[in-house]
Amino acid sequence: MKRAVIATVFSSALLLGACSGPAAGEQLDGVLKNTFEAEKEYRETQGEMEKLEKEEQELFESIMSLTQEQQEEVKGHAEEAIASAEERLELLKAETASMDSAKENFKEIDTVIAETEDEAVKSDLEALKAKMQERFEAHAVFAEAYETLNAQQQELYEMLLDDEANLQELQKKALAVNEQNTAVQEAVEAFNTQTEEFNELKNKTIETIEKSEQ
């Protein structure tokens, strides 16, 4: 039930530090740095979420190894797992808020595009804008899938608290959780791909700006 961690982040425009000429370079540098800074909380949640997921998985495996005679221990672990899932949901909300802030900051690229006269640079900036929008959309898909997974996990943990829980129902819910976890991992991979492609486009745009300066 552990998700693949979103490990790929877009890099800030450090390579643009050498650009001291045209407005396009300076403006893009500012937009990317502001966007990168806005995603700080998103990046900071990753380690904590991974830690909670690992501990939660261990709790679940421990629960499944216990017998009916150890029901009190089962309930204790299940309550811990519910608390962990709730904490992860709060981290997801913080992560999403961070991405929303970054999305707002990135809108500043419209000004850069509007004020750029070089057609090659303008084309690259428009492609960069479109790719970042795809990246934000991919994160929204991930967040929705992860929230659904979290809800299903909490339902499973609640079932473990029930003395009358049916084993067949538990197995059915566990299967649904695993299927949703697969969807989450696919969403993570899609987001990481979008981020990698954005970084590549960013580097291409920097090269185009540098050529336009010559």
N, C-alpha and C. Protein backbone atom coordinates (compact mmCIF):
# COMPACT_ATOMS: atom_id res chain seq x y z
N MET A 1 0.82 -1.21 0.00
CA MET A 1 0.00 0.00 0.00
C MET A 1 0.85 1.26 0.00
N LYS A 2 2.11 1.12 -0.27
CA LYS A 2 3.01 2.27 -0.24
C LYS A 2 3.10 2.89 -1.64
N ARG A 3 2.96 4.19 -1.71
CA ARG A 3 3.04 4.84 -3.00
C ARG A 3 4.49 5.07 -3.38
N ALA A 4 4.73 5.23 -4.66
CA ALA A 4 6.04 5.68 -5.11
C ALA A 4 6.13 7.16 -4.79
N VAL A 5 7.22 7.58 -4.21
CA VAL A 5 7.36 8.98 -3.80
C VAL A 5 7.59 9.87 -5.02
N ILE A 6 6.95 11.03 -5.00
CA ILE A 6 7.24 12.01 -6.04
C ILE A 6 8.63 12.56 -5.76
N ALA A 7 9.58 12.13 -6.54
CA ALA A 7 10.97 12.48 -6.26
C ALA A 7 11.51 13.55 -7.19
N THR A 8 10.87 13.74 -8.33
CA THR A 8 11.38 14.67 -9.32
C THR A 8 10.80 16.06 -9.11
N VAL A 9 11.67 17.05 -8.98
CA VAL A 9 11.21 18.43 -8.86
C VAL A 9 11.86 19.24 -9.98
N PHE A 10 11.15 20.27 -10.43
CA PHE A 10 11.77 21.08 -11.47
C PHE A 10 12.86 21.93 -10.84
N SER A 11 13.92 22.11 -11.57
CA SER A 11 15.05 22.88 -11.04
C SER A 11 14.81 24.36 -11.29
N SER A 12 15.32 25.17 -10.38
CA SER A 12 15.18 26.60 -10.55
C SER A 12 16.13 27.05 -11.65
N ALA A 13 15.99 28.30 -12.04
CA ALA A 13 16.71 28.77 -13.22
C ALA A 13 18.14 29.22 -12.90
N LEU A 14 18.86 28.37 -12.18
CA LEU A 14 20.22 28.75 -11.78
C LEU A 14 21.12 29.01 -12.98
N LEU A 15 20.89 28.29 -14.08
CA LEU A 15 21.72 28.48 -15.26
C LEU A 15 21.52 29.85 -15.89
N LEU A 16 20.41 30.48 -15.54
CA LEU A 16 20.15 31.81 -16.07
C LEU A 16 20.87 32.89 -15.27
N GLY A 17 21.57 32.49 -14.24
CA GLY A 17 22.26 33.47 -13.41
C GLY A 17 23.26 34.29 -14.20
N ALA A 18 23.77 33.71 -15.28
CA ALA A 18 24.77 34.39 -16.08
C ALA A 18 24.14 35.38 -17.06
N CYS A 19 22.83 35.30 -17.22
CA CYS A 19 22.14 36.19 -18.14
C CYS A 19 21.95 37.56 -17.50
N SER A 20 22.60 38.53 -18.03
CA SER A 20 22.47 39.86 -17.44
C SER A 20 21.98 40.87 -18.48
N GLY A 21 21.62 40.35 -19.65
CA GLY A 21 21.24 41.25 -20.73
C GLY A 21 19.75 41.37 -20.93
N PRO A 22 19.24 40.70 -22.00
CA PRO A 22 17.84 40.86 -22.40
C PRO A 22 16.84 40.61 -21.29
N ALA A 23 15.74 41.34 -21.34
CA ALA A 23 14.71 41.24 -20.33
C ALA A 23 14.14 39.83 -20.24
N ALA A 24 14.04 39.12 -21.36
CA ALA A 24 13.46 37.78 -21.36
C ALA A 24 14.20 36.85 -20.40
N GLY A 25 15.53 36.90 -20.44
CA GLY A 25 16.32 36.05 -19.56
C GLY A 25 16.12 36.40 -18.11
N GLU A 26 16.17 37.69 -17.80
CA GLU A 26 16.02 38.13 -16.42
C GLU A 26 14.61 37.84 -15.89
N GLN A 27 13.61 38.08 -16.73
CA GLN A 27 12.23 37.87 -16.31
C GLN A 27 11.93 36.39 -16.09
N LEU A 28 12.41 35.55 -17.02
CA LEU A 28 12.17 34.11 -16.87
C LEU A 28 12.88 33.59 -15.63
N ASP A 29 14.07 34.11 -15.38
CA ASP A 29 14.80 33.72 -14.19
C ASP A 29 13.96 34.02 -12.94
N GLY A 30 13.34 35.19 -12.90
CA GLY A 30 12.53 35.56 -11.75
C GLY A 30 11.29 34.70 -11.61
N VAL A 31 10.62 34.42 -12.73
CA VAL A 31 9.41 33.59 -12.70
C VAL A 31 9.72 32.19 -12.18
N LEU A 32 10.78 31.61 -12.70
CA LEU A 32 11.11 30.23 -12.30
C LEU A 32 11.57 30.16 -10.85
N LYS A 33 12.33 31.13 -10.43
CA LYS A 33 12.78 31.13 -9.03
C LYS A 33 11.61 31.32 -8.07
N ASN A 34 10.68 32.20 -8.43
CA ASN A 34 9.50 32.41 -7.58
C ASN A 34 8.63 31.15 -7.53
N THR A 35 8.50 30.49 -8.67
CA THR A 35 7.70 29.27 -8.73
C THR A 35 8.36 28.16 -7.93
N PHE A 36 9.66 28.05 -8.08
CA PHE A 36 10.42 27.04 -7.34
C PHE A 36 10.29 27.26 -5.84
N GLU A 37 10.36 28.52 -5.41
CA GLU A 37 10.25 28.85 -3.99
C GLU A 37 8.85 28.52 -3.48
N ALA A 38 7.83 28.76 -4.31
CA ALA A 38 6.45 28.48 -3.91
C ALA A 38 6.23 26.99 -3.70
N GLU A 39 7.03 26.15 -4.36
CA GLU A 39 6.90 24.70 -4.24
C GLU A 39 7.72 24.14 -3.07
N LYS A 40 8.28 25.02 -2.26
CA LYS A 40 9.13 24.58 -1.16
C LYS A 40 8.40 23.63 -0.21
N GLU A 41 7.17 23.98 0.18
CA GLU A 41 6.43 23.14 1.12
C GLU A 41 6.09 21.80 0.49
N TYR A 42 5.79 21.81 -0.81
CA TYR A 42 5.53 20.56 -1.53
C TYR A 42 6.75 19.64 -1.42
N ARG A 43 7.93 20.20 -1.63
CA ARG A 43 9.15 19.38 -1.56
C ARG A 43 9.38 18.86 -0.14
N GLU A 44 9.10 19.72 0.83
CA GLU A 44 9.37 19.35 2.22
C GLU A 44 8.44 18.25 2.74
N THR A 45 7.25 18.11 2.14
CA THR A 45 6.33 17.07 2.60
C THR A 45 6.75 15.67 2.16
N GLN A 46 7.57 15.59 1.13
CA GLN A 46 7.88 14.29 0.54
C GLN A 46 8.51 13.31 1.52
N GLY A 47 9.51 13.77 2.24
CA GLY A 47 10.20 12.89 3.19
C GLY A 47 9.29 12.42 4.31
N GLU A 48 8.47 13.33 4.83
CA GLU A 48 7.57 12.99 5.93
C GLU A 48 6.50 12.01 5.47
N MET A 49 5.97 12.22 4.26
CA MET A 49 4.95 11.31 3.74
C MET A 49 5.53 9.92 3.51
N GLU A 50 6.73 9.87 2.99
CA GLU A 50 7.38 8.57 2.77
C GLU A 50 7.60 7.85 4.09
N LYS A 51 8.03 8.58 5.11
CA LYS A 51 8.26 8.00 6.44
C LYS A 51 6.96 7.43 7.01
N LEU A 52 5.88 8.21 6.93
CA LEU A 52 4.59 7.77 7.45
C LEU A 52 4.08 6.55 6.69
N GLU A 53 4.25 6.56 5.38
CA GLU A 53 3.78 5.43 4.57
C GLU A 53 4.52 4.14 4.93
N LYS A 54 5.82 4.27 5.14
CA LYS A 54 6.62 3.09 5.49
C LYS A 54 6.19 2.53 6.85
N GLU A 55 6.01 3.42 7.82
CA GLU A 55 5.60 2.99 9.16
C GLU A 55 4.19 2.39 9.13
N GLU A 56 3.33 2.99 8.32
CA GLU A 56 1.96 2.51 8.20
C GLU A 56 1.92 1.12 7.58
N GLN A 57 2.76 0.92 6.58
CA GLN A 57 2.82 -0.39 5.94
C GLN A 57 3.27 -1.45 6.94
N GLU A 58 4.24 -1.08 7.77
CA GLU A 58 4.73 -2.02 8.79
C GLU A 58 3.62 -2.33 9.80
N LEU A 59 2.84 -1.32 10.16
CA LEU A 59 1.72 -1.52 11.07
C LEU A 59 0.70 -2.50 10.47
N PHE A 60 0.39 -2.28 9.19
CA PHE A 60 -0.59 -3.14 8.53
C PHE A 60 -0.10 -4.58 8.47
N GLU A 61 1.17 -4.76 8.13
CA GLU A 61 1.72 -6.11 8.07
C GLU A 61 1.71 -6.77 9.45
N SER A 62 1.96 -5.97 10.48
CA SER A 62 1.92 -6.48 11.85
C SER A 62 0.51 -6.91 12.22
N ILE A 63 -0.48 -6.09 11.82
CA ILE A 63 -1.88 -6.41 12.10
C ILE A 63 -2.26 -7.75 11.47
N MET A 64 -1.86 -7.93 10.23
CA MET A 64 -2.25 -9.13 9.50
C MET A 64 -1.60 -10.39 10.05
N SER A 65 -0.54 -10.22 10.84
CA SER A 65 0.14 -11.39 11.41
C SER A 65 -0.43 -11.77 12.78
N LEU A 66 -1.31 -10.91 13.32
CA LEU A 66 -1.89 -11.18 14.63
C LEU A 66 -3.10 -12.13 14.52
N THR A 67 -3.39 -12.78 15.60
CA THR A 67 -4.52 -13.72 15.63
C THR A 67 -5.75 -13.07 16.26
N GLN A 68 -6.87 -13.75 16.20
CA GLN A 68 -8.10 -13.23 16.79
C GLN A 68 -7.96 -13.04 18.30
N GLU A 69 -7.11 -13.85 18.91
CA GLU A 69 -6.89 -13.74 20.35
C GLU A 69 -6.13 -12.48 20.71
N GLN A 70 -5.55 -11.82 19.72
CA GLN A 70 -4.77 -10.60 19.96
C GLN A 70 -5.53 -9.37 19.45
N GLN A 71 -6.86 -9.40 19.58
CA GLN A 71 -7.71 -8.35 19.03
C GLN A 71 -7.40 -6.97 19.60
N GLU A 72 -7.06 -6.90 20.87
CA GLU A 72 -6.73 -5.60 21.46
C GLU A 72 -5.50 -5.00 20.81
N GLU A 73 -4.54 -5.85 20.52
CA GLU A 73 -3.32 -5.39 19.85
C GLU A 73 -3.64 -4.95 18.42
N VAL A 74 -4.54 -5.69 17.77
CA VAL A 74 -4.97 -5.34 16.42
C VAL A 74 -5.58 -3.93 16.43
N LYS A 75 -6.47 -3.70 17.40
CA LYS A 75 -7.14 -2.40 17.48
C LYS A 75 -6.16 -1.26 17.73
N GLY A 76 -5.17 -1.53 18.57
CA GLY A 76 -4.16 -0.50 18.85
C GLY A 76 -3.40 -0.11 17.60
N HIS A 77 -2.98 -1.11 16.85
CA HIS A 77 -2.25 -0.85 15.60
C HIS A 77 -3.15 -0.15 14.58
N ALA A 78 -4.41 -0.58 14.52
CA ALA A 78 -5.34 0.01 13.55
C ALA A 78 -5.57 1.48 13.86
N GLU A 79 -5.69 1.81 15.13
CA GLU A 79 -5.88 3.21 15.53
C GLU A 79 -4.65 4.05 15.17
N GLU A 80 -3.48 3.47 15.35
CA GLU A 80 -2.24 4.16 14.95
C GLU A 80 -2.23 4.40 13.44
N ALA A 81 -2.68 3.40 12.69
CA ALA A 81 -2.70 3.52 11.24
C ALA A 81 -3.68 4.59 10.78
N ILE A 82 -4.82 4.68 11.46
CA ILE A 82 -5.81 5.70 11.12
C ILE A 82 -5.23 7.10 11.38
N ALA A 83 -4.56 7.25 12.51
CA ALA A 83 -3.94 8.54 12.84
C ALA A 83 -2.88 8.92 11.81
N SER A 84 -2.12 7.92 11.36
CA SER A 84 -1.09 8.15 10.36
C SER A 84 -1.71 8.57 9.03
N ALA A 85 -2.79 7.90 8.65
CA ALA A 85 -3.47 8.22 7.39
C ALA A 85 -4.03 9.64 7.44
N GLU A 86 -4.57 10.03 8.57
CA GLU A 86 -5.10 11.39 8.73
C GLU A 86 -3.99 12.43 8.62
N GLU A 87 -2.83 12.10 9.18
CA GLU A 87 -1.68 13.01 9.11
C GLU A 87 -1.20 13.14 7.66
N ARG A 88 -1.20 12.02 6.94
CA ARG A 88 -0.80 12.07 5.54
C ARG A 88 -1.75 12.91 4.71
N LEU A 89 -3.03 12.85 5.06
CA LEU A 89 -4.02 13.65 4.33
C LEU A 89 -3.76 15.14 4.54
N GLU A 90 -3.37 15.52 5.75
CA GLU A 90 -3.04 16.92 6.02
C GLU A 90 -1.80 17.34 5.24
N LEU A 91 -0.83 16.45 5.15
CA LEU A 91 0.38 16.74 4.37
C LEU A 91 0.04 16.90 2.89
N LEU A 92 -0.89 16.08 2.41
CA LEU A 92 -1.32 16.19 1.02
C LEU A 92 -1.97 17.54 0.77
N LYS A 93 -2.77 18.01 1.72
CA LYS A 93 -3.42 19.32 1.58
C LYS A 93 -2.36 20.42 1.52
N ALA A 94 -1.33 20.32 2.36
CA ALA A 94 -0.25 21.31 2.36
C ALA A 94 0.51 21.26 1.03
N GLU A 95 0.72 20.06 0.54
CA GLU A 95 1.42 19.87 -0.73
C GLU A 95 0.62 20.50 -1.87
N THR A 96 -0.69 20.26 -1.87
CA THR A 96 -1.55 20.80 -2.92
C THR A 96 -1.62 22.32 -2.86
N ALA A 97 -1.68 22.85 -1.65
CA ALA A 97 -1.69 24.32 -1.49
C ALA A 97 -0.40 24.93 -2.02
N SER A 98 0.70 24.25 -1.78
CA SER A 98 2.00 24.71 -2.27
C SER A 98 2.03 24.74 -3.80
N MET A 99 1.49 23.69 -4.41
CA MET A 99 1.45 23.63 -5.87
C MET A 99 0.51 24.69 -6.44
N ASP A 100 -0.60 24.96 -5.74
CA ASP A 100 -1.53 26.00 -6.19
C ASP A 100 -0.84 27.37 -6.16
N SER A 101 -0.04 27.60 -5.13
CA SER A 101 0.70 28.86 -5.02
C SER A 101 1.71 28.97 -6.16
N ALA A 102 2.38 27.87 -6.45
CA ALA A 102 3.35 27.86 -7.55
C ALA A 102 2.66 28.14 -8.88
N LYS A 103 1.48 27.57 -9.04
CA LYS A 103 0.72 27.77 -10.27
C LYS A 103 0.39 29.25 -10.47
N GLU A 104 0.03 29.92 -9.39
CA GLU A 104 -0.26 31.35 -9.46
C GLU A 104 0.99 32.14 -9.83
N ASN A 105 2.11 31.78 -9.20
CA ASN A 105 3.36 32.49 -9.48
C ASN A 105 3.80 32.30 -10.93
N PHE A 106 3.56 31.10 -11.44
CA PHE A 106 4.04 30.81 -12.81
C PHE A 106 3.25 31.60 -13.86
N LYS A 107 2.08 32.11 -13.51
CA LYS A 107 1.30 32.91 -14.46
C LYS A 107 2.05 34.15 -14.91
N GLU A 108 3.09 34.52 -14.14
CA GLU A 108 3.90 35.68 -14.51
C GLU A 108 4.61 35.48 -15.84
N ILE A 109 4.67 34.22 -16.29
CA ILE A 109 5.35 33.95 -17.57
C ILE A 109 4.58 34.61 -18.72
N ASP A 110 3.29 34.88 -18.53
CA ASP A 110 2.51 35.55 -19.59
C ASP A 110 3.09 36.92 -19.91
N THR A 111 3.58 37.60 -18.88
CA THR A 111 4.19 38.92 -19.09
C THR A 111 5.49 38.78 -19.87
N VAL A 112 6.27 37.75 -19.54
CA VAL A 112 7.53 37.52 -20.25
C VAL A 112 7.25 37.26 -21.72
N ILE A 113 6.24 36.42 -21.99
CA ILE A 113 5.89 36.09 -23.38
C ILE A 113 5.43 37.34 -24.12
N ALA A 114 4.58 38.13 -23.48
CA ALA A 114 4.03 39.33 -24.13
C ALA A 114 5.11 40.35 -24.46
N GLU A 115 6.14 40.43 -23.64
CA GLU A 115 7.17 41.45 -23.83
C GLU A 115 8.37 40.94 -24.63
N THR A 116 8.32 39.68 -25.06
CA THR A 116 9.42 39.12 -25.84
C THR A 116 9.18 39.34 -27.33
N GLU A 117 10.16 39.93 -28.00
CA GLU A 117 10.02 40.22 -29.42
C GLU A 117 10.62 39.11 -30.29
N ASP A 118 11.63 38.43 -29.81
CA ASP A 118 12.27 37.36 -30.58
C ASP A 118 11.29 36.19 -30.71
N GLU A 119 10.95 35.84 -31.94
CA GLU A 119 9.94 34.81 -32.18
C GLU A 119 10.38 33.43 -31.70
N ALA A 120 11.65 33.12 -31.82
CA ALA A 120 12.15 31.80 -31.38
C ALA A 120 12.04 31.68 -29.86
N VAL A 121 12.41 32.76 -29.17
CA VAL A 121 12.31 32.78 -27.71
C VAL A 121 10.84 32.70 -27.29
N LYS A 122 10.00 33.47 -27.97
CA LYS A 122 8.56 33.48 -27.64
C LYS A 122 7.97 32.08 -27.80
N SER A 123 8.35 31.38 -28.88
CA SER A 123 7.85 30.03 -29.13
C SER A 123 8.26 29.07 -28.02
N ASP A 124 9.52 29.18 -27.60
CA ASP A 124 10.00 28.31 -26.52
C ASP A 124 9.31 28.63 -25.20
N LEU A 125 9.07 29.90 -24.95
CA LEU A 125 8.39 30.29 -23.71
C LEU A 125 6.95 29.77 -23.68
N GLU A 126 6.28 29.80 -24.82
CA GLU A 126 4.91 29.29 -24.90
C GLU A 126 4.88 27.78 -24.67
N ALA A 127 5.90 27.09 -25.23
CA ALA A 127 5.99 25.64 -25.02
C ALA A 127 6.27 25.34 -23.55
N LEU A 128 7.10 26.18 -22.93
CA LEU A 128 7.43 26.00 -21.51
C LEU A 128 6.18 26.21 -20.65
N LYS A 129 5.40 27.21 -21.00
CA LYS A 129 4.15 27.47 -20.27
C LYS A 129 3.19 26.28 -20.38
N ALA A 130 3.05 25.76 -21.58
CA ALA A 130 2.14 24.63 -21.80
C ALA A 130 2.59 23.39 -21.03
N LYS A 131 3.89 23.17 -21.02
CA LYS A 131 4.41 21.99 -20.31
C LYS A 131 4.22 22.13 -18.80
N MET A 132 4.42 23.32 -18.26
CA MET A 132 4.21 23.50 -16.83
C MET A 132 2.73 23.33 -16.47
N GLN A 133 1.85 23.76 -17.34
CA GLN A 133 0.43 23.57 -17.10
C GLN A 133 0.08 22.08 -17.07
N GLU A 134 0.70 21.32 -17.98
CA GLU A 134 0.51 19.86 -17.99
C GLU A 134 1.04 19.25 -16.69
N ARG A 135 2.14 19.80 -16.21
CA ARG A 135 2.73 19.31 -14.96
C ARG A 135 1.79 19.57 -13.78
N PHE A 136 1.22 20.76 -13.71
CA PHE A 136 0.29 21.07 -12.63
C PHE A 136 -0.95 20.18 -12.71
N GLU A 137 -1.43 19.94 -13.93
CA GLU A 137 -2.59 19.06 -14.12
C GLU A 137 -2.27 17.64 -13.68
N ALA A 138 -1.05 17.19 -13.96
CA ALA A 138 -0.64 15.85 -13.56
C ALA A 138 -0.59 15.73 -12.05
N HIS A 139 -0.17 16.79 -11.38
CA HIS A 139 -0.15 16.75 -9.92
C HIS A 139 -1.57 16.71 -9.37
N ALA A 140 -2.50 17.42 -10.00
CA ALA A 140 -3.89 17.41 -9.56
C ALA A 140 -4.48 16.00 -9.68
N VAL A 141 -4.12 15.31 -10.75
CA VAL A 141 -4.57 13.92 -10.94
C VAL A 141 -4.01 13.04 -9.84
N PHE A 142 -2.73 13.23 -9.54
CA PHE A 142 -2.10 12.47 -8.44
C PHE A 142 -2.81 12.74 -7.12
N ALA A 143 -3.04 14.02 -6.81
CA ALA A 143 -3.63 14.38 -5.52
C ALA A 143 -5.01 13.75 -5.35
N GLU A 144 -5.78 13.76 -6.42
CA GLU A 144 -7.13 13.16 -6.36
C GLU A 144 -7.03 11.64 -6.13
N ALA A 145 -6.11 11.00 -6.85
CA ALA A 145 -5.93 9.56 -6.70
C ALA A 145 -5.42 9.21 -5.30
N TYR A 146 -4.54 10.04 -4.78
CA TYR A 146 -3.97 9.78 -3.45
C TYR A 146 -5.02 9.98 -2.36
N GLU A 147 -5.88 10.99 -2.54
CA GLU A 147 -6.93 11.23 -1.56
C GLU A 147 -7.91 10.05 -1.53
N THR A 148 -8.21 9.52 -2.72
CA THR A 148 -9.08 8.34 -2.79
C THR A 148 -8.43 7.14 -2.11
N LEU A 149 -7.13 6.97 -2.36
CA LEU A 149 -6.39 5.88 -1.72
C LEU A 149 -6.42 6.02 -0.21
N ASN A 150 -6.19 7.24 0.27
CA ASN A 150 -6.18 7.49 1.70
C ASN A 150 -7.52 7.14 2.33
N ALA A 151 -8.61 7.51 1.67
CA ALA A 151 -9.95 7.22 2.18
C ALA A 151 -10.19 5.71 2.25
N GLN A 152 -9.75 5.00 1.22
CA GLN A 152 -9.92 3.55 1.20
C GLN A 152 -9.07 2.87 2.28
N GLN A 153 -7.88 3.39 2.50
CA GLN A 153 -7.03 2.84 3.55
C GLN A 153 -7.68 3.03 4.92
N GLN A 154 -8.23 4.23 5.15
CA GLN A 154 -8.89 4.48 6.44
C GLN A 154 -10.10 3.57 6.62
N GLU A 155 -10.83 3.31 5.54
CA GLU A 155 -11.97 2.39 5.62
C GLU A 155 -11.50 0.99 6.02
N LEU A 156 -10.36 0.59 5.45
CA LEU A 156 -9.80 -0.72 5.78
C LEU A 156 -9.40 -0.79 7.25
N TYR A 157 -8.75 0.27 7.73
CA TYR A 157 -8.33 0.29 9.13
C TYR A 157 -9.55 0.30 10.07
N GLU A 158 -10.61 1.01 9.68
CA GLU A 158 -11.84 1.03 10.48
C GLU A 158 -12.44 -0.37 10.55
N MET A 159 -12.38 -1.10 9.45
CA MET A 159 -12.90 -2.47 9.43
C MET A 159 -12.12 -3.36 10.40
N LEU A 160 -10.83 -3.09 10.54
CA LEU A 160 -9.99 -3.89 11.44
C LEU A 160 -10.34 -3.64 12.90
N LEU A 161 -10.98 -2.51 13.16
CA LEU A 161 -11.41 -2.20 14.53
C LEU A 161 -12.69 -2.94 14.90
N ASP A 162 -13.37 -3.43 13.87
CA ASP A 162 -14.67 -4.08 14.07
C ASP A 162 -14.49 -5.56 14.39
N ASP A 163 -14.94 -5.96 15.56
CA ASP A 163 -14.83 -7.37 15.97
C ASP A 163 -15.63 -8.29 15.05
N GLU A 164 -16.64 -7.74 14.41
CA GLU A 164 -17.52 -8.55 13.57
C GLU A 164 -17.10 -8.51 12.10
N ALA A 165 -15.96 -7.89 11.82
CA ALA A 165 -15.52 -7.76 10.43
C ALA A 165 -15.38 -9.12 9.77
N ASN A 166 -15.89 -9.21 8.56
CA ASN A 166 -15.84 -10.45 7.78
C ASN A 166 -14.52 -10.51 7.02
N LEU A 167 -13.85 -11.65 7.09
CA LEU A 167 -12.55 -11.82 6.44
C LEU A 167 -12.64 -11.58 4.95
N GLN A 168 -13.71 -12.04 4.33
CA GLN A 168 -13.89 -11.86 2.89
C GLN A 168 -14.02 -10.39 2.54
N GLU A 169 -14.73 -9.64 3.37
CA GLU A 169 -14.89 -8.20 3.14
C GLU A 169 -13.56 -7.47 3.31
N LEU A 170 -12.79 -7.90 4.31
CA LEU A 170 -11.47 -7.31 4.52
C LEU A 170 -10.57 -7.53 3.31
N GLN A 171 -10.60 -8.75 2.78
CA GLN A 171 -9.77 -9.08 1.62
C GLN A 171 -10.21 -8.27 0.40
N LYS A 172 -11.52 -8.08 0.26
CA LYS A 172 -12.04 -7.30 -0.85
C LYS A 172 -11.58 -5.86 -0.76
N LYS A 173 -11.65 -5.29 0.45
CA LYS A 173 -11.21 -3.91 0.65
C LYS A 173 -9.71 -3.78 0.44
N ALA A 174 -8.94 -4.75 0.91
CA ALA A 174 -7.48 -4.72 0.73
C ALA A 174 -7.13 -4.76 -0.76
N LEU A 175 -7.89 -5.53 -1.53
CA LEU A 175 -7.66 -5.60 -2.97
C LEU A 175 -7.95 -4.25 -3.62
N ALA A 176 -9.04 -3.59 -3.19
CA ALA A 176 -9.38 -2.27 -3.73
C ALA A 176 -8.28 -1.26 -3.41
N VAL A 177 -7.74 -1.35 -2.19
CA VAL A 177 -6.64 -0.46 -1.79
C VAL A 177 -5.43 -0.67 -2.68
N ASN A 178 -5.08 -1.92 -2.93
CA ASN A 178 -3.92 -2.22 -3.76
C ASN A 178 -4.12 -1.72 -5.20
N GLU A 179 -5.34 -1.86 -5.71
CA GLU A 179 -5.63 -1.39 -7.06
C GLU A 179 -5.52 0.13 -7.14
N GLN A 180 -6.02 0.81 -6.11
CA GLN A 180 -5.93 2.27 -6.09
C GLN A 180 -4.49 2.72 -5.92
N ASN A 181 -3.71 1.95 -5.17
CA ASN A 181 -2.30 2.29 -5.00
C ASN A 181 -1.57 2.23 -6.33
N THR A 182 -1.96 1.29 -7.18
CA THR A 182 -1.38 1.19 -8.52
C THR A 182 -1.69 2.46 -9.32
N ALA A 183 -2.94 2.94 -9.19
CA ALA A 183 -3.34 4.17 -9.88
C ALA A 183 -2.52 5.36 -9.38
N VAL A 184 -2.26 5.39 -8.09
CA VAL A 184 -1.46 6.47 -7.51
C VAL A 184 -0.03 6.43 -8.05
N GLN A 185 0.55 5.25 -8.10
CA GLN A 185 1.92 5.12 -8.60
C GLN A 185 2.01 5.53 -10.06
N GLU A 186 0.99 5.21 -10.84
CA GLU A 186 0.97 5.62 -12.24
C GLU A 186 0.89 7.14 -12.34
N ALA A 187 0.12 7.76 -11.45
CA ALA A 187 0.00 9.22 -11.44
C ALA A 187 1.32 9.87 -11.04
N VAL A 188 2.02 9.24 -10.10
CA VAL A 188 3.33 9.75 -9.69
C VAL A 188 4.30 9.72 -10.86
N GLU A 189 4.31 8.59 -11.56
CA GLU A 189 5.22 8.44 -12.71
C GLU A 189 4.90 9.47 -13.80
N ALA A 190 3.61 9.72 -14.02
CA ALA A 190 3.20 10.70 -15.03
C ALA A 190 3.66 12.10 -14.63
N PHE A 191 3.52 12.43 -13.34
CA PHE A 191 3.96 13.74 -12.86
C PHE A 191 5.47 13.89 -12.99
N ASN A 192 6.20 12.86 -12.62
CA ASN A 192 7.66 12.92 -12.72
C ASN A 192 8.11 13.08 -14.16
N THR A 193 7.41 12.41 -15.08
CA THR A 193 7.73 12.54 -16.50
C THR A 193 7.52 13.97 -16.97
N GLN A 194 6.39 14.57 -16.55
CA GLN A 194 6.11 15.96 -16.92
C GLN A 194 7.18 16.89 -16.36
N THR A 195 7.63 16.63 -15.15
CA THR A 195 8.65 17.47 -14.53
C THR A 195 9.97 17.35 -15.27
N GLU A 196 10.35 16.14 -15.63
CA GLU A 196 11.59 15.93 -16.37
C GLU A 196 11.53 16.63 -17.73
N GLU A 197 10.38 16.53 -18.40
CA GLU A 197 10.21 17.17 -19.70
C GLU A 197 10.25 18.70 -19.56
N PHE A 198 9.69 19.21 -18.45
CA PHE A 198 9.75 20.65 -18.22
C PHE A 198 11.20 21.11 -18.07
N ASN A 199 11.97 20.36 -17.29
CA ASN A 199 13.38 20.73 -17.09
C ASN A 199 14.14 20.74 -18.42
N GLU A 200 13.84 19.77 -19.28
CA GLU A 200 14.49 19.72 -20.59
C GLU A 200 14.12 20.94 -21.43
N LEU A 201 12.83 21.29 -21.40
CA LEU A 201 12.37 22.45 -22.15
C LEU A 201 12.96 23.74 -21.60
N LYS A 202 13.09 23.80 -20.28
CA LYS A 202 13.68 24.97 -19.64
C LYS A 202 15.10 25.17 -20.13
N ASN A 203 15.86 24.08 -20.19
CA ASN A 203 17.26 24.18 -20.66
C ASN A 203 17.31 24.60 -22.13
N LYS A 204 16.38 24.09 -22.93
CA LYS A 204 16.31 24.47 -24.35
C LYS A 204 16.00 25.95 -24.49
N THR A 205 15.09 26.44 -23.64
CA THR A 205 14.71 27.85 -23.69
C THR A 205 15.89 28.74 -23.31
N ILE A 206 16.66 28.30 -22.33
CA ILE A 206 17.85 29.05 -21.93
C ILE A 206 18.83 29.15 -23.11
N GLU A 207 19.00 28.05 -23.82
CA GLU A 207 19.90 28.05 -24.98
C GLU A 207 19.40 29.01 -26.05
N THR A 208 18.09 29.02 -26.27
CA THR A 208 17.50 29.91 -27.27
C THR A 208 17.71 31.38 -26.88
N ILE A 209 17.53 31.66 -25.59
CA ILE A 209 17.73 33.04 -25.11
C ILE A 209 19.19 33.44 -25.28
N GLU A 210 20.11 32.55 -24.96
CA GLU A 210 21.53 32.85 -25.08
C GLU A 210 21.91 33.13 -26.54
N LYS A 211 21.32 32.35 -27.45
CA LYS A 211 21.60 32.57 -28.89
C LYS A 211 21.06 33.92 -29.35
N SER A 212 19.91 34.30 -28.80
CA SER A 212 19.30 35.57 -29.20
C SER A 212 20.11 36.75 -28.72
N GLU A 213 20.95 36.53 -27.72
CA GLU A 213 21.79 37.60 -27.17
C GLU A 213 23.02 37.85 -28.03
N GLN A 214 23.41 36.83 -28.79
CA GLN A 214 24.67 36.93 -29.53
C GLN A 214 24.53 37.82 -30.77
